[in-house]
Amino acid sequence: MRADFTLQEPKVLALYEAVLDELAISTGTRVLDIACGPGLFLRLAAQRGAAVSGVDPEAAFIAIARERVPDAELVIGGIESLPFADRAFDVVTGFNAFQFAADPARALREAARVGVAGCSIVIAAWSRPEYCEATAYLSAVGGSDAFALSQPIAMEAFAAAGGLVAGELRNVDCVWDYPDQETALRALCSTAWAVDAIGAVGERQVTTAVLESIAPYRAIDGGYRIENVFGYVIATKRTTTKEAEMAGVHKFDFDEPDETRTPDKTRVEVVRTGEATAARLVFEPGWKWSACVKPVAGTDRCQVHHVGFAQSGTMHVVHEDGTEIEIEPGTAYEILPGHDAWVVGDERCVMFEFESRAAEQYARG
């Protein structure tokens, strides 16, 4: 019966896509999905070029995920003691996951541990019950606790208990549609709540309750359309800045960035102290600003003022005033807003930005 969850999992596809888009998941992004289930989110991330890993306590789900994403690192296990090294991932996601752990705060701390400094940790949950037509269904199968994180203040407090700072709560519309009653029952009886309810009171009683709960949403053609809303926040680990604020000398460590951005063929590793921000920019061969970063920036030309140093590779820059230069290894540069640029040749281009505003803004959606 749990295998039928592959029918239900796509009903939150819009949520998965929203997270992938906001985080600009692309080539080289290291993603871990907590309680990954049959692996649909991992497959979507892998299709964008991410290096994906997943953990789930159910062996049957991991088996399906392995078929869907053969190159993924997939582990059977819980989420409160993750079998991954420290600072192994750029993004950690939990779709209706963290809040159902026996010790949610510990699960969140584990997510922070395996993430790099500044790692984006996605906490996704049901939105408010009045926004969700599946409220009656959840009540029928004993899932009323699904709405525990539906309010922004609850989500913030939940993240804080795990040592995280929650970003803005965003809502996504997700439509549950089924072509017929049989498909609806197979999908809706495959959720963890329904399976537990069937074990407690029997399949017949649960089936009757589920059908009654979704009856108002049956269409003339015999299918069903149930409109729901899910919410998510992108949280980051709370860092202590006391030492940085007191010190007269600051040291940056680009191997443990405070934030990482990964548009197509791009990796921006940002480090911060109390007063300054710097970034290491890594551009893969074939990178071009107008093709890879423009969709994120939303401007015709790059509007960032760059001041930095080129470590490796060659970058060709064309300014809107007609000037062109090639920045080669070992050279410092200044580039004013209003330009396009691209990597020359087959060597990765690595550059360091020391203009704080540029480091904070570059490749940020």
Protein backbone atom coordinates (compact mmCIF):
# COMPACT_ATOMS: atom_id res chain seq x y z
CA MET A 1 0.00 0.00 0.00
CA ARG A 2 2.87 2.41 0.76
CA ALA A 3 4.18 1.74 -2.75
CA ASP A 4 1.09 3.58 -4.03
CA PHE A 5 2.59 6.74 -2.54
CA THR A 6 4.15 7.27 -5.97
CA LEU A 7 0.61 8.29 -6.99
CA GLN A 8 0.36 10.86 -4.20
CA GLU A 9 3.88 12.28 -4.24
CA PRO A 10 3.46 14.27 -7.51
CA LYS A 11 0.60 16.24 -5.93
CA VAL A 12 3.22 18.55 -4.37
CA LEU A 13 5.20 18.97 -7.59
CA ALA A 14 4.52 22.73 -7.55
CA LEU A 15 6.12 22.94 -4.09
CA TYR A 16 9.21 21.06 -5.28
CA GLU A 17 9.55 23.29 -8.33
CA ALA A 18 9.18 26.47 -6.27
CA VAL A 19 12.03 25.43 -3.97
CA LEU A 20 14.26 24.39 -6.86
CA ASP A 21 13.65 27.69 -8.61
CA GLU A 22 14.19 29.90 -5.56
CA LEU A 23 17.43 28.18 -4.63
CA ALA A 24 18.58 28.13 -8.27
CA ILE A 25 19.51 24.45 -7.99
CA SER A 26 21.83 23.62 -10.87
CA THR A 27 25.05 21.89 -11.89
CA GLY A 28 27.27 21.23 -8.89
CA THR A 29 24.74 21.99 -6.14
CA ARG A 30 25.03 19.32 -3.44
CA VAL A 31 21.52 18.51 -2.22
CA LEU A 32 20.34 16.28 0.62
CA ASP A 33 16.63 15.50 0.93
CA ILE A 34 15.55 14.42 4.42
CA ALA A 35 12.83 11.73 4.49
CA CYS A 36 13.13 11.64 0.72
CA GLY A 37 10.40 9.05 0.17
CA PRO A 38 10.39 7.55 -3.35
CA GLY A 39 12.75 10.29 -4.52
CA LEU A 40 10.73 12.55 -6.82
CA PHE A 41 12.35 15.74 -5.51
CA LEU A 42 15.80 14.19 -5.88
CA ARG A 43 15.05 13.24 -9.48
CA LEU A 44 13.96 16.80 -10.27
CA ALA A 45 17.10 18.21 -8.65
CA ALA A 46 19.32 15.72 -10.49
CA GLN A 47 17.70 16.70 -13.78
CA ARG A 48 18.97 20.23 -13.10
CA GLY A 49 22.50 18.95 -12.62
CA ALA A 50 22.63 18.71 -8.81
CA ALA A 51 24.58 16.03 -6.98
CA VAL A 52 21.83 14.47 -4.87
CA SER A 53 21.61 12.37 -1.72
CA GLY A 54 18.65 11.16 0.30
CA VAL A 55 17.78 9.41 3.52
CA ASP A 56 14.52 7.72 4.48
CA PRO A 57 13.57 5.12 7.10
CA GLU A 58 11.52 3.03 4.67
CA ALA A 59 13.50 0.53 2.60
CA ALA A 60 10.71 0.29 0.01
CA PHE A 61 10.93 4.02 -0.69
CA ILE A 62 14.71 3.92 -0.99
CA ALA A 63 14.41 1.06 -3.48
CA ILE A 64 12.08 3.15 -5.67
CA ALA A 65 14.35 6.18 -5.34
CA ARG A 66 17.34 4.12 -6.48
CA GLU A 67 15.48 3.17 -9.64
CA ARG A 68 14.53 6.79 -10.28
CA VAL A 69 17.93 8.32 -9.51
CA PRO A 70 20.63 5.68 -10.01
CA ASP A 71 23.51 8.09 -9.33
CA ALA A 72 22.12 9.37 -6.02
CA GLU A 73 23.62 8.45 -2.66
CA LEU A 74 20.65 6.93 -0.86
CA VAL A 75 20.62 5.62 2.70
CA ILE A 76 18.00 3.85 4.81
CA GLY A 77 17.90 5.63 8.15
CA GLY A 78 16.37 8.21 10.44
CA ILE A 79 16.80 11.97 10.31
CA GLU A 80 18.02 12.61 13.85
CA SER A 81 21.44 11.03 13.28
CA LEU A 82 22.39 11.52 9.66
CA PRO A 83 25.03 9.20 8.15
CA PHE A 84 26.82 12.02 6.34
CA ALA A 85 29.98 14.01 7.01
CA ASP A 86 30.04 17.56 8.35
CA ARG A 87 29.67 20.36 5.77
CA ALA A 88 28.84 17.93 2.95
CA PHE A 89 25.86 19.76 1.37
CA ASP A 90 24.90 23.17 -0.01
CA VAL A 91 21.16 22.57 0.43
CA VAL A 92 19.22 20.34 2.84
CA THR A 93 15.47 19.92 2.30
CA GLY A 94 12.73 18.50 4.49
CA PHE A 95 9.25 18.32 2.94
CA ASN A 96 6.80 17.51 5.74
CA ALA A 97 9.69 15.84 7.51
CA PHE A 98 11.45 17.66 10.33
CA GLN A 99 8.29 18.30 12.35
CA PHE A 100 7.47 14.58 12.55
CA ALA A 101 10.81 13.50 14.00
CA ALA A 102 10.82 12.20 17.57
CA ASP A 103 13.19 15.07 18.38
CA PRO A 104 12.63 17.79 15.75
CA ALA A 105 15.23 20.17 17.21
CA ARG A 106 17.88 17.47 16.96
CA ALA A 107 16.86 16.72 13.38
CA LEU A 108 17.28 20.39 12.48
CA ARG A 109 20.68 20.56 14.17
CA GLU A 110 21.75 17.49 12.19
CA ALA A 111 20.66 19.21 8.98
CA ALA A 112 22.80 22.21 9.93
CA ARG A 113 25.75 19.97 10.78
CA VAL A 114 25.87 18.30 7.38
CA GLY A 115 25.43 21.63 5.58
CA VAL A 116 28.19 24.07 4.75
CA ALA A 117 28.24 27.38 6.58
CA GLY A 118 25.35 29.37 5.17
CA CYS A 119 23.65 26.20 3.92
CA SER A 120 20.02 26.67 2.86
CA ILE A 121 17.78 24.41 4.95
CA VAL A 122 14.25 24.07 3.60
CA ILE A 123 11.45 23.42 6.08
CA ALA A 124 8.18 22.71 4.27
CA ALA A 125 4.79 21.98 5.80
CA TRP A 126 1.07 22.38 5.34
CA SER A 127 -0.31 25.90 5.27
CA ARG A 128 -3.32 26.99 7.32
CA PRO A 129 -6.26 24.56 7.43
CA GLU A 130 -8.70 27.09 6.00
CA TYR A 131 -6.55 27.21 2.85
CA CYS A 132 -6.61 23.43 2.38
CA GLU A 133 -9.53 21.39 1.07
CA ALA A 134 -7.79 18.25 2.33
CA THR A 135 -8.45 19.29 5.93
CA ALA A 136 -11.38 16.89 6.20
CA TYR A 137 -9.26 14.07 4.77
CA LEU A 138 -6.48 14.73 7.29
CA SER A 139 -9.01 14.67 10.10
CA ALA A 140 -10.43 11.38 8.80
CA VAL A 141 -7.02 9.64 8.87
CA GLY A 142 -5.73 11.21 12.09
CA GLY A 143 -3.47 13.82 10.48
CA SER A 144 -4.77 16.95 12.18
CA ASP A 145 -1.26 17.64 13.54
CA ALA A 146 -0.21 18.44 9.98
CA PHE A 147 -1.00 22.12 10.55
CA ALA A 148 1.34 22.67 13.50
CA LEU A 149 3.68 24.88 11.43
CA SER A 150 1.07 26.67 9.34
CA GLN A 151 1.58 30.07 10.99
CA PRO A 152 4.76 32.16 10.42
CA ILE A 153 5.37 32.55 14.16
CA ALA A 154 5.18 28.78 14.61
CA MET A 155 7.63 28.18 11.78
CA GLU A 156 10.06 30.76 13.20
CA ALA A 157 9.91 29.24 16.67
CA PHE A 158 10.34 25.75 15.25
CA ALA A 159 13.46 26.77 13.32
CA ALA A 160 14.87 28.65 16.31
CA ALA A 161 14.55 25.55 18.50
CA GLY A 162 17.01 23.87 16.15
CA GLY A 163 19.43 26.79 16.13
CA LEU A 164 18.21 28.12 12.77
CA VAL A 165 16.99 31.48 11.53
CA ALA A 166 13.91 31.15 9.31
CA GLY A 167 13.47 33.26 6.20
CA GLU A 168 10.15 34.51 4.88
CA LEU A 169 7.32 31.99 4.83
CA ARG A 170 6.23 31.38 1.23
CA ASN A 171 3.03 29.64 0.16
CA VAL A 172 2.54 27.42 -2.88
CA ASP A 173 -0.75 26.19 -4.35
CA CYS A 174 -0.81 22.41 -4.84
CA VAL A 175 -3.75 20.71 -6.52
CA TRP A 176 -4.51 17.09 -5.75
CA ASP A 177 -6.28 15.74 -8.81
CA TYR A 178 -7.30 12.14 -9.44
CA PRO A 179 -8.96 10.74 -12.57
CA ASP A 180 -11.27 8.37 -10.69
CA GLN A 181 -12.26 7.01 -7.29
CA GLU A 182 -9.95 4.00 -7.43
CA THR A 183 -6.87 6.14 -8.05
CA ALA A 184 -7.88 8.62 -5.36
CA LEU A 185 -8.27 5.83 -2.80
CA ARG A 186 -4.97 4.18 -3.71
CA ALA A 187 -3.14 7.49 -3.38
CA LEU A 188 -4.85 8.77 -0.26
CA CYS A 189 -4.61 5.44 1.56
CA SER A 190 -0.84 5.35 0.97
CA THR A 191 0.08 8.25 3.26
CA ALA A 192 1.68 7.49 6.61
CA TRP A 193 -1.42 8.73 8.44
CA ALA A 194 -3.75 6.51 6.44
CA VAL A 195 -1.52 3.44 6.77
CA ASP A 196 -1.39 3.91 10.55
CA ALA A 197 -5.16 4.38 10.67
CA ILE A 198 -5.72 1.20 8.64
CA GLY A 199 -3.50 -0.69 11.04
CA ALA A 200 -5.55 0.63 13.95
CA VAL A 201 -9.15 0.32 12.75
CA GLY A 202 -9.04 -1.62 9.48
CA GLU A 203 -9.07 -0.79 5.78
CA ARG A 204 -12.85 -0.78 5.38
CA GLN A 205 -13.45 1.89 8.01
CA VAL A 206 -10.65 4.10 6.72
CA THR A 207 -11.80 3.75 3.10
CA THR A 208 -15.30 4.85 4.07
CA ALA A 209 -13.95 7.85 6.01
CA VAL A 210 -11.67 8.90 3.16
CA LEU A 211 -14.45 8.70 0.57
CA GLU A 212 -16.75 10.80 2.77
CA SER A 213 -14.03 13.42 3.29
CA ILE A 214 -13.36 13.91 -0.43
CA ALA A 215 -16.95 13.56 -1.67
CA PRO A 216 -17.48 17.37 -1.96
CA TYR A 217 -14.63 17.57 -4.44
CA ARG A 218 -15.84 14.95 -6.90
CA ALA A 219 -16.32 16.24 -10.43
CA ILE A 220 -19.03 15.34 -12.91
CA ASP A 221 -16.62 13.07 -14.79
CA GLY A 222 -15.96 11.02 -11.64
CA GLY A 223 -12.55 12.51 -10.93
CA TYR A 224 -11.51 14.62 -7.94
CA ARG A 225 -9.88 18.03 -7.56
CA ILE A 226 -8.71 19.03 -4.08
CA GLU A 227 -6.96 22.39 -3.76
CA ASN A 228 -4.38 22.84 -1.00
CA VAL A 229 -1.63 25.25 0.02
CA PHE A 230 1.79 24.34 1.39
CA GLY A 231 4.29 26.68 2.97
CA TYR A 232 8.06 26.65 3.25
CA VAL A 233 10.90 28.70 4.67
CA ILE A 234 14.56 28.71 3.79
CA ALA A 235 16.44 28.70 7.08
CA THR A 236 20.12 29.16 7.85
CA LYS A 237 22.25 28.28 10.83
CA ARG A 238 22.42 30.96 13.49
CA THR A 239 26.06 32.08 13.76
CA THR A 240 27.81 33.85 16.60
CA THR A 241 29.54 37.05 15.48
CA LYS A 242 30.90 38.14 18.85
CA GLU A 243 34.46 37.08 18.11
CA ALA A 244 34.44 38.70 14.68
CA GLU A 245 33.05 41.95 16.08
CA MET A 246 35.70 42.14 18.81
CA ALA A 247 38.73 41.18 16.73
CA GLY A 248 40.95 43.76 15.07
CA VAL A 249 41.94 41.27 12.36
CA HIS A 250 39.52 39.10 10.40
CA LYS A 251 40.22 35.98 8.35
CA PHE A 252 37.97 34.61 5.59
CA ASP A 253 37.68 30.88 4.87
CA PHE A 254 36.18 30.31 1.44
CA ASP A 255 36.07 26.55 2.04
CA GLU A 256 33.43 27.19 4.73
CA PRO A 257 31.31 29.95 3.17
CA ASP A 258 28.46 31.66 5.00
CA GLU A 259 26.31 31.46 1.87
CA THR A 260 26.52 29.63 -1.44
CA ARG A 261 24.67 30.54 -4.65
CA THR A 262 24.66 28.16 -7.61
CA PRO A 263 23.07 29.43 -10.83
CA ASP A 264 23.88 27.51 -13.99
CA LYS A 265 27.65 26.89 -14.37
CA THR A 266 28.19 29.31 -11.46
CA ARG A 267 29.24 28.96 -7.84
CA VAL A 268 29.34 32.01 -5.57
CA GLU A 269 30.83 31.34 -2.12
CA VAL A 270 30.22 34.25 0.23
CA VAL A 271 32.07 34.89 3.49
CA ARG A 272 31.25 37.62 6.00
CA THR A 273 32.77 39.25 9.08
CA GLY A 274 31.25 42.00 11.16
CA GLU A 275 32.07 44.74 8.65
CA ALA A 276 33.01 43.16 5.31
CA THR A 277 31.81 40.63 2.76
CA ALA A 278 33.87 38.84 0.13
CA ALA A 279 33.12 36.14 -2.41
CA ARG A 280 34.87 33.47 -4.43
CA LEU A 281 33.32 33.20 -7.88
CA VAL A 282 33.76 29.94 -9.79
CA PHE A 283 32.67 29.84 -13.44
CA GLU A 284 32.66 26.60 -15.43
CA PRO A 285 33.71 26.39 -19.11
CA GLY A 286 30.85 27.55 -21.32
CA TRP A 287 29.66 30.07 -18.71
CA LYS A 288 28.25 33.37 -19.95
CA TRP A 289 26.59 35.96 -17.74
CA SER A 290 23.72 36.63 -20.16
CA ALA A 291 22.93 32.90 -20.35
CA CYS A 292 23.62 31.71 -16.80
CA VAL A 293 23.11 34.61 -14.38
CA LYS A 294 20.78 36.93 -16.29
CA PRO A 295 17.73 34.70 -15.57
CA VAL A 296 18.47 35.08 -11.85
CA ALA A 297 19.44 38.77 -11.89
CA GLY A 298 16.53 39.84 -14.09
CA THR A 299 18.48 42.63 -15.85
CA ASP A 300 19.71 42.92 -19.44
CA ARG A 301 23.31 43.39 -18.31
CA CYS A 302 25.15 42.76 -15.07
CA GLN A 303 24.57 45.77 -12.81
CA VAL A 304 27.12 44.82 -10.16
CA HIS A 305 30.29 46.87 -9.59
CA HIS A 306 33.12 44.33 -9.43
CA VAL A 307 36.50 44.81 -7.75
CA GLY A 308 38.63 41.70 -7.43
CA PHE A 309 41.45 39.39 -8.39
CA ALA A 310 41.58 36.56 -10.95
CA GLN A 311 43.17 33.35 -9.72
CA SER A 312 42.71 31.06 -12.72
CA GLY A 313 41.07 30.89 -16.13
CA THR A 314 40.34 33.75 -18.50
CA MET A 315 37.28 35.98 -18.48
CA HIS A 316 36.25 38.20 -21.42
CA VAL A 317 34.23 41.28 -20.43
CA VAL A 318 32.28 43.59 -22.75
CA HIS A 319 30.93 46.85 -21.32
CA GLU A 320 27.93 48.68 -22.76
CA ASP A 321 30.21 51.66 -23.50
CA GLY A 322 32.03 49.51 -26.08
CA THR A 323 35.17 48.68 -24.10
CA GLU A 324 36.37 45.07 -23.89
CA ILE A 325 39.03 43.36 -21.81
CA GLU A 326 40.26 39.87 -21.03
CA ILE A 327 41.00 39.22 -17.37
CA GLU A 328 43.76 36.67 -17.00
CA PRO A 329 45.20 34.84 -13.97
CA GLY A 330 47.15 37.01 -11.56
CA THR A 331 45.45 40.28 -12.49
CA ALA A 332 43.28 42.62 -10.44
CA TYR A 333 40.24 44.20 -12.04
CA GLU A 334 37.43 46.71 -11.71
CA ILE A 335 34.28 46.33 -13.80
CA LEU A 336 31.55 48.96 -13.71
CA PRO A 337 27.84 48.09 -13.94
CA GLY A 338 26.43 47.48 -17.43
CA HIS A 339 28.39 44.58 -18.86
CA ASP A 340 28.30 41.02 -20.12
CA ALA A 341 31.09 38.47 -19.66
CA TRP A 342 32.02 34.90 -20.53
CA VAL A 343 34.66 32.27 -19.83
CA VAL A 344 37.29 31.90 -22.53
CA GLY A 345 38.51 28.39 -23.33
CA ASP A 346 38.12 25.13 -21.44
CA GLU A 347 39.56 26.15 -18.08
CA ARG A 348 37.40 26.96 -15.08
CA CYS A 349 37.62 30.62 -14.09
CA VAL A 350 38.10 31.43 -10.39
CA MET A 351 37.90 35.05 -9.19
CA PHE A 352 37.77 36.74 -5.79
CA GLU A 353 35.49 39.71 -5.12
CA PHE A 354 36.36 42.15 -2.35
CA GLU A 355 33.71 44.81 -2.95
CA SER A 356 31.18 44.00 -0.20
CA ARG A 357 28.11 45.15 -2.11
CA ALA A 358 29.08 43.03 -5.13
CA ALA A 359 29.67 39.98 -2.95
CA GLU A 360 26.25 40.37 -1.33
CA GLN A 361 24.36 41.01 -4.58
CA TYR A 362 25.97 38.89 -7.29
CA ALA A 363 23.79 36.09 -8.69
CA ARG A 364 21.14 36.69 -6.03
CA GLY A 365 17.58 36.32 -7.25
